[in-house]
Amino acid sequence: METRELRYFVAVAQELHFGRAAERLGIAQPPLSRAISRLERRLGAVLLERTSRSVALTEAGAVLLREGVAALDAIEAAERRVRRAATPEAGVVLVTKAGASGELLAKLLHAYAAEPAAVAVEVLLCGIGEQGAILRDGRADVALLHRPFDTTAGLDVEELGTEGQVVALPGGHPLTGRTDVTMAEATALPGLPMPRWPGAGGRYPDGPGPEVHDHTQLMQLVALGRTAVVLPDSCRAQLREDLVAVPVVDAPPVTTVIAWPPHSRSRAVADLVRTATRL
């Protein structure tokens, strides 16, 4: 199967319309239809059910779409990593969520810089839940992830530490005088609905809480009394003066891990991981 054919099929399978897929690919519709037909004959499977009004995926087509997207993503990731490796001054790109693991990250960068074979580390700060995708598509070489919020499927990881969680509240809220609260109390505060984080494809779930785009916006919304949020305990070091953190006694623990692609053979990545595990 050629990469070109796979790109053609994925476009049609995602658009479920040959005309839109052809426009997206920048080709005419007849050669696109012929390419899909040739692919079906070669695979010995019907991938698309076509009528004069609609296009639908067969079970075999759904499998190829899932596998094809993963394969194309892997190819793009390989291209990015090869181009970076071919650049003499290229170092290591580390991605982490903005506002998370700030103290750990500072210690890691300082300790790694003291290593004899250290290379330049570019820190890529991303939005909520974006680290895994950025690592997998080759834009980064290594990432700091946080379980159970981030998935580590398909990645090699080393655990760096586990901590409890706190609820961040606006100063003066009645619960700020408590020594601790339960998860049920923290997530059902009158007038302080939990924020909504973006999911797959950047879509937000329905709910009364505000949509959150980044850490700075989140903290300002908490200070304004528009939301409350449950975060790892280490967030205390970065809280604004007008916010208070109260421990949530029954919140699930958060484990910070350093993650990298399992096929990585980069000595710099290995050295960075070893430095992180020593901290």
Protein backbone atom coordinates (compact mmCIF):
# COMPACT_ATOMS: atom_id res chain seq x y z
CA MET A 1 0.00 0.00 0.00
CA GLU A 2 1.40 3.37 -1.03
CA THR A 3 1.35 6.37 1.27
CA ARG A 4 -0.44 8.35 -1.44
CA GLU A 5 -3.24 5.79 -1.61
CA LEU A 6 -3.57 5.79 2.15
CA ARG A 7 -3.85 9.59 2.23
CA TYR A 8 -6.53 9.42 -0.46
CA PHE A 9 -8.54 6.85 1.45
CA VAL A 10 -8.28 8.68 4.79
CA ALA A 11 -9.51 11.90 3.18
CA VAL A 12 -12.56 10.16 1.68
CA ALA A 13 -13.24 8.20 4.87
CA GLN A 14 -13.15 11.35 7.00
CA GLU A 15 -15.17 13.50 4.62
CA LEU A 16 -17.55 10.70 3.51
CA HIS A 17 -17.83 12.65 0.29
CA PHE A 18 -15.65 12.20 -2.80
CA GLY A 19 -16.06 15.79 -3.95
CA ARG A 20 -14.99 17.33 -0.64
CA ALA A 21 -12.14 14.82 -0.30
CA ALA A 22 -10.88 15.66 -3.80
CA GLU A 23 -10.99 19.37 -3.02
CA ARG A 24 -9.11 18.77 0.25
CA LEU A 25 -6.44 16.77 -1.59
CA GLY A 26 -6.20 19.23 -4.49
CA ILE A 27 -7.00 16.63 -7.18
CA ALA A 28 -9.90 15.89 -9.49
CA GLN A 29 -12.65 13.53 -8.35
CA PRO A 30 -12.40 10.83 -11.11
CA PRO A 31 -8.75 9.85 -10.37
CA LEU A 32 -9.57 9.79 -6.65
CA SER A 33 -12.46 7.37 -7.25
CA ARG A 34 -10.24 5.16 -9.42
CA ALA A 35 -7.49 5.13 -6.77
CA ILE A 36 -9.94 3.98 -4.08
CA SER A 37 -11.30 1.25 -6.37
CA ARG A 38 -7.76 0.01 -7.10
CA LEU A 39 -7.00 -0.05 -3.38
CA GLU A 40 -10.14 -2.11 -2.69
CA ARG A 41 -9.22 -4.61 -5.40
CA ARG A 42 -5.68 -4.94 -4.09
CA LEU A 43 -6.86 -5.48 -0.50
CA GLY A 44 -9.73 -7.74 -1.54
CA ALA A 45 -12.14 -5.80 0.65
CA VAL A 46 -14.94 -3.28 0.17
CA LEU A 47 -13.93 -0.20 2.13
CA LEU A 48 -16.76 2.16 1.24
CA GLU A 49 -20.47 1.64 0.57
CA ARG A 50 -21.37 4.08 -2.20
CA THR A 51 -24.79 5.22 -3.37
CA SER A 52 -25.77 8.16 -5.53
CA ARG A 53 -26.45 10.16 -2.37
CA SER A 54 -24.04 8.96 0.29
CA VAL A 55 -20.75 7.32 1.17
CA ALA A 56 -20.39 5.13 4.27
CA LEU A 57 -17.55 3.14 5.79
CA THR A 58 -17.74 -0.64 5.89
CA GLU A 59 -16.32 -2.50 8.89
CA ALA A 60 -13.13 -3.09 6.90
CA GLY A 61 -13.04 0.59 5.97
CA ALA A 62 -13.35 1.62 9.61
CA VAL A 63 -10.36 -0.58 10.46
CA LEU A 64 -8.28 0.92 7.66
CA LEU A 65 -9.25 4.46 8.68
CA ARG A 66 -8.10 3.84 12.25
CA GLU A 67 -4.88 2.12 11.21
CA GLY A 68 -4.29 4.53 8.34
CA VAL A 69 -4.50 7.65 10.49
CA ALA A 70 -2.02 6.10 12.94
CA ALA A 71 0.33 5.16 10.09
CA LEU A 72 0.22 8.60 8.50
CA ASP A 73 0.78 10.24 11.88
CA ALA A 74 3.81 7.99 12.42
CA ILE A 75 5.21 8.94 9.00
CA GLU A 76 4.79 12.66 9.73
CA ALA A 77 6.41 12.20 13.15
CA ALA A 78 9.35 10.40 11.54
CA GLU A 79 9.78 13.20 9.01
CA ARG A 80 9.85 15.84 11.76
CA ARG A 81 12.37 13.91 13.86
CA VAL A 82 14.63 13.24 10.87
CA ARG A 83 14.66 16.92 9.87
CA ARG A 84 15.49 17.93 13.44
CA ALA A 85 18.22 15.29 13.72
CA ALA A 86 19.75 16.59 10.49
CA THR A 87 20.09 20.07 11.97
CA PRO A 88 23.55 20.37 13.60
CA GLU A 89 22.38 22.67 16.39
CA ALA A 90 19.24 20.66 17.15
CA GLY A 91 18.83 19.67 20.78
CA VAL A 92 15.94 18.07 22.64
CA VAL A 93 12.37 19.35 22.64
CA LEU A 94 10.52 18.81 25.93
CA VAL A 95 6.78 19.48 26.04
CA THR A 96 4.79 20.14 29.19
CA LYS A 97 1.48 21.72 30.06
CA ALA A 98 1.82 25.41 30.85
CA GLY A 99 1.56 25.99 34.58
CA ALA A 100 2.21 22.35 35.53
CA SER A 101 5.28 20.83 37.22
CA GLY A 102 7.01 24.20 37.27
CA GLU A 103 9.31 23.44 40.21
CA LEU A 104 10.18 19.98 38.89
CA LEU A 105 10.86 21.34 35.41
CA ALA A 106 13.21 24.03 36.73
CA LYS A 107 15.15 21.47 38.78
CA LEU A 108 15.33 19.08 35.83
CA LEU A 109 16.67 21.70 33.41
CA HIS A 110 19.25 22.89 35.95
CA ALA A 111 20.47 19.37 36.77
CA TYR A 112 20.60 18.28 33.12
CA ALA A 113 22.54 21.39 32.06
CA ALA A 114 25.30 20.31 34.46
CA GLU A 115 25.73 16.96 32.65
CA PRO A 116 28.93 16.72 30.54
CA ALA A 117 27.07 15.64 27.40
CA ALA A 118 24.10 17.99 27.84
CA VAL A 119 22.56 19.53 24.72
CA ALA A 120 20.19 22.47 24.39
CA VAL A 121 16.67 21.78 25.67
CA GLU A 122 13.81 23.62 24.04
CA VAL A 123 10.78 23.77 26.34
CA LEU A 124 7.45 23.73 24.53
CA LEU A 125 4.58 24.90 26.76
CA CYS A 126 1.23 23.65 25.56
CA GLY A 127 -2.44 23.80 26.46
CA ILE A 128 -4.42 21.40 28.56
CA GLY A 129 -4.19 17.78 27.41
CA GLU A 130 -1.99 18.53 24.37
CA GLN A 131 1.35 17.07 25.53
CA GLY A 132 0.71 13.48 24.43
CA ALA A 133 -0.34 14.41 20.90
CA ILE A 134 2.65 16.74 20.49
CA LEU A 135 5.02 13.98 21.60
CA ARG A 136 3.43 11.34 19.40
CA ASP A 137 3.40 13.45 16.24
CA GLY A 138 7.11 14.25 16.48
CA ARG A 139 6.99 17.88 17.50
CA ALA A 140 8.65 16.93 20.80
CA ASP A 141 11.15 14.27 21.88
CA VAL A 142 10.08 13.91 25.50
CA ALA A 143 7.13 15.02 27.65
CA LEU A 144 6.01 15.49 31.22
CA LEU A 145 2.61 13.83 31.59
CA HIS A 146 0.25 13.46 34.51
CA ARG A 147 -1.72 10.31 35.15
CA PRO A 148 -4.66 9.73 35.34
CA PHE A 149 -5.39 12.84 33.23
CA ASP A 150 -2.96 12.07 30.37
CA THR A 151 -2.78 8.74 28.59
CA THR A 152 0.64 7.11 28.26
CA ALA A 153 -0.48 4.33 25.88
CA GLY A 154 2.23 3.47 23.37
CA LEU A 155 4.92 5.44 25.18
CA ASP A 156 7.83 4.49 27.42
CA VAL A 157 7.64 6.21 30.81
CA GLU A 158 9.43 6.64 34.11
CA GLU A 159 7.48 7.74 37.16
CA LEU A 160 8.85 10.87 38.83
CA GLY A 161 6.51 11.32 41.77
CA THR A 162 2.97 11.02 43.10
CA GLU A 163 1.03 13.69 44.98
CA GLY A 164 -2.41 14.45 46.32
CA GLN A 165 -4.80 17.10 45.05
CA VAL A 166 -6.22 20.37 46.33
CA VAL A 167 -9.13 22.55 45.35
CA ALA A 168 -8.22 26.11 44.38
CA LEU A 169 -10.77 28.61 45.69
CA PRO A 170 -11.15 32.39 45.58
CA GLY A 171 -9.97 34.08 48.77
CA GLY A 172 -12.75 34.60 51.28
CA HIS A 173 -14.78 31.56 50.24
CA PRO A 174 -16.31 29.78 53.27
CA LEU A 175 -14.36 26.57 52.60
CA THR A 176 -10.99 28.32 52.77
CA GLY A 177 -11.10 28.00 56.56
CA ARG A 178 -11.33 24.22 56.38
CA THR A 179 -8.32 21.92 56.82
CA ASP A 180 -9.64 19.63 54.08
CA VAL A 181 -12.69 18.87 51.96
CA THR A 182 -14.06 15.85 50.11
CA MET A 183 -14.20 15.47 46.34
CA ALA A 184 -17.99 15.66 46.49
CA GLU A 185 -17.78 19.01 48.29
CA ALA A 186 -15.10 20.41 45.97
CA THR A 187 -16.96 19.56 42.75
CA ALA A 188 -20.43 20.72 43.81
CA LEU A 189 -19.83 24.20 45.20
CA PRO A 190 -22.80 26.56 44.71
CA GLY A 191 -21.92 29.22 42.17
CA LEU A 192 -18.51 27.67 41.39
CA PRO A 193 -19.09 25.05 38.67
CA MET A 194 -16.09 22.97 37.62
CA PRO A 195 -14.29 24.26 34.49
CA ARG A 196 -14.67 22.43 31.20
CA TRP A 197 -11.47 21.11 29.62
CA PRO A 198 -11.13 20.48 25.88
CA GLY A 199 -11.41 16.86 24.82
CA ALA A 200 -10.53 15.06 21.61
CA GLY A 201 -10.49 17.41 18.66
CA GLY A 202 -10.53 20.43 20.95
CA ARG A 203 -14.24 20.11 21.70
CA TYR A 204 -15.63 21.02 25.10
CA PRO A 205 -18.20 18.87 26.92
CA ASP A 206 -21.56 20.37 27.79
CA GLY A 207 -21.95 21.82 31.26
CA PRO A 208 -22.39 25.01 33.29
CA GLY A 209 -18.69 25.64 33.96
CA PRO A 210 -16.55 28.00 31.88
CA GLU A 211 -14.45 26.75 28.98
CA VAL A 212 -10.77 26.80 29.93
CA HIS A 213 -8.04 27.42 27.36
CA ASP A 214 -4.90 27.83 29.47
CA HIS A 215 -3.60 27.95 33.04
CA THR A 216 -3.50 31.75 33.31
CA GLN A 217 -7.11 32.05 32.23
CA LEU A 218 -8.11 29.31 34.67
CA MET A 219 -6.51 31.03 37.66
CA GLN A 220 -8.15 34.34 36.78
CA LEU A 221 -11.56 32.67 36.53
CA VAL A 222 -11.05 31.14 39.98
CA ALA A 223 -10.02 34.52 41.44
CA LEU A 224 -13.13 36.13 39.92
CA GLY A 225 -15.36 33.56 41.60
CA ARG A 226 -16.48 31.96 38.35
CA THR A 227 -15.14 28.47 39.00
CA ALA A 228 -13.21 26.25 41.39
CA VAL A 229 -10.74 23.63 40.24
CA VAL A 230 -9.11 20.51 41.64
CA LEU A 231 -5.37 20.42 40.86
CA PRO A 232 -2.22 18.56 41.95
CA ASP A 233 -0.84 19.74 45.29
CA SER A 234 2.29 21.16 43.64
CA CYS A 235 0.16 23.93 42.13
CA ARG A 236 0.32 25.70 45.52
CA ALA A 237 3.72 27.18 44.62
CA GLN A 238 2.20 29.01 41.64
CA LEU A 239 -1.12 30.14 43.10
CA ARG A 240 -1.94 33.84 43.04
CA GLU A 241 -2.12 35.65 46.37
CA ASP A 242 -5.89 35.97 46.08
CA LEU A 243 -6.39 32.18 45.84
CA VAL A 244 -6.42 29.52 48.56
CA ALA A 245 -5.72 25.78 48.19
CA VAL A 246 -7.56 23.28 50.41
CA PRO A 247 -6.56 19.57 50.39
CA VAL A 248 -9.10 17.16 48.87
CA VAL A 249 -8.76 14.08 51.06
CA ASP A 250 -10.32 11.51 48.73
CA ALA A 251 -9.12 12.83 45.35
CA PRO A 252 -7.22 10.30 43.22
CA PRO A 253 -3.44 10.75 43.43
CA VAL A 254 -1.65 12.35 40.48
CA THR A 255 1.53 10.74 39.17
CA THR A 256 3.95 12.80 37.09
CA VAL A 257 5.86 10.79 34.50
CA ILE A 258 8.47 11.58 31.90
CA ALA A 259 7.55 9.93 28.59
CA TRP A 260 9.22 9.33 25.24
CA PRO A 261 8.56 7.27 22.07
CA PRO A 262 9.60 3.62 22.57
CA HIS A 263 11.65 3.62 19.35
CA SER A 264 13.76 6.62 20.41
CA ARG A 265 17.50 5.97 20.29
CA SER A 266 18.53 9.50 21.23
CA ARG A 267 21.35 9.62 23.76
CA ALA A 268 20.24 13.12 24.77
CA VAL A 269 16.72 11.88 25.55
CA ALA A 270 18.14 8.96 27.56
CA ASP A 271 20.39 11.32 29.54
CA LEU A 272 17.47 13.68 30.22
CA VAL A 273 15.32 10.79 31.44
CA ARG A 274 18.09 9.52 33.71
CA THR A 275 18.52 13.00 35.16
CA ALA A 276 14.77 13.26 35.81
CA THR A 277 14.64 9.93 37.65
CA ARG A 278 17.49 11.01 39.95
CA LEU A 279 15.63 14.13 41.12
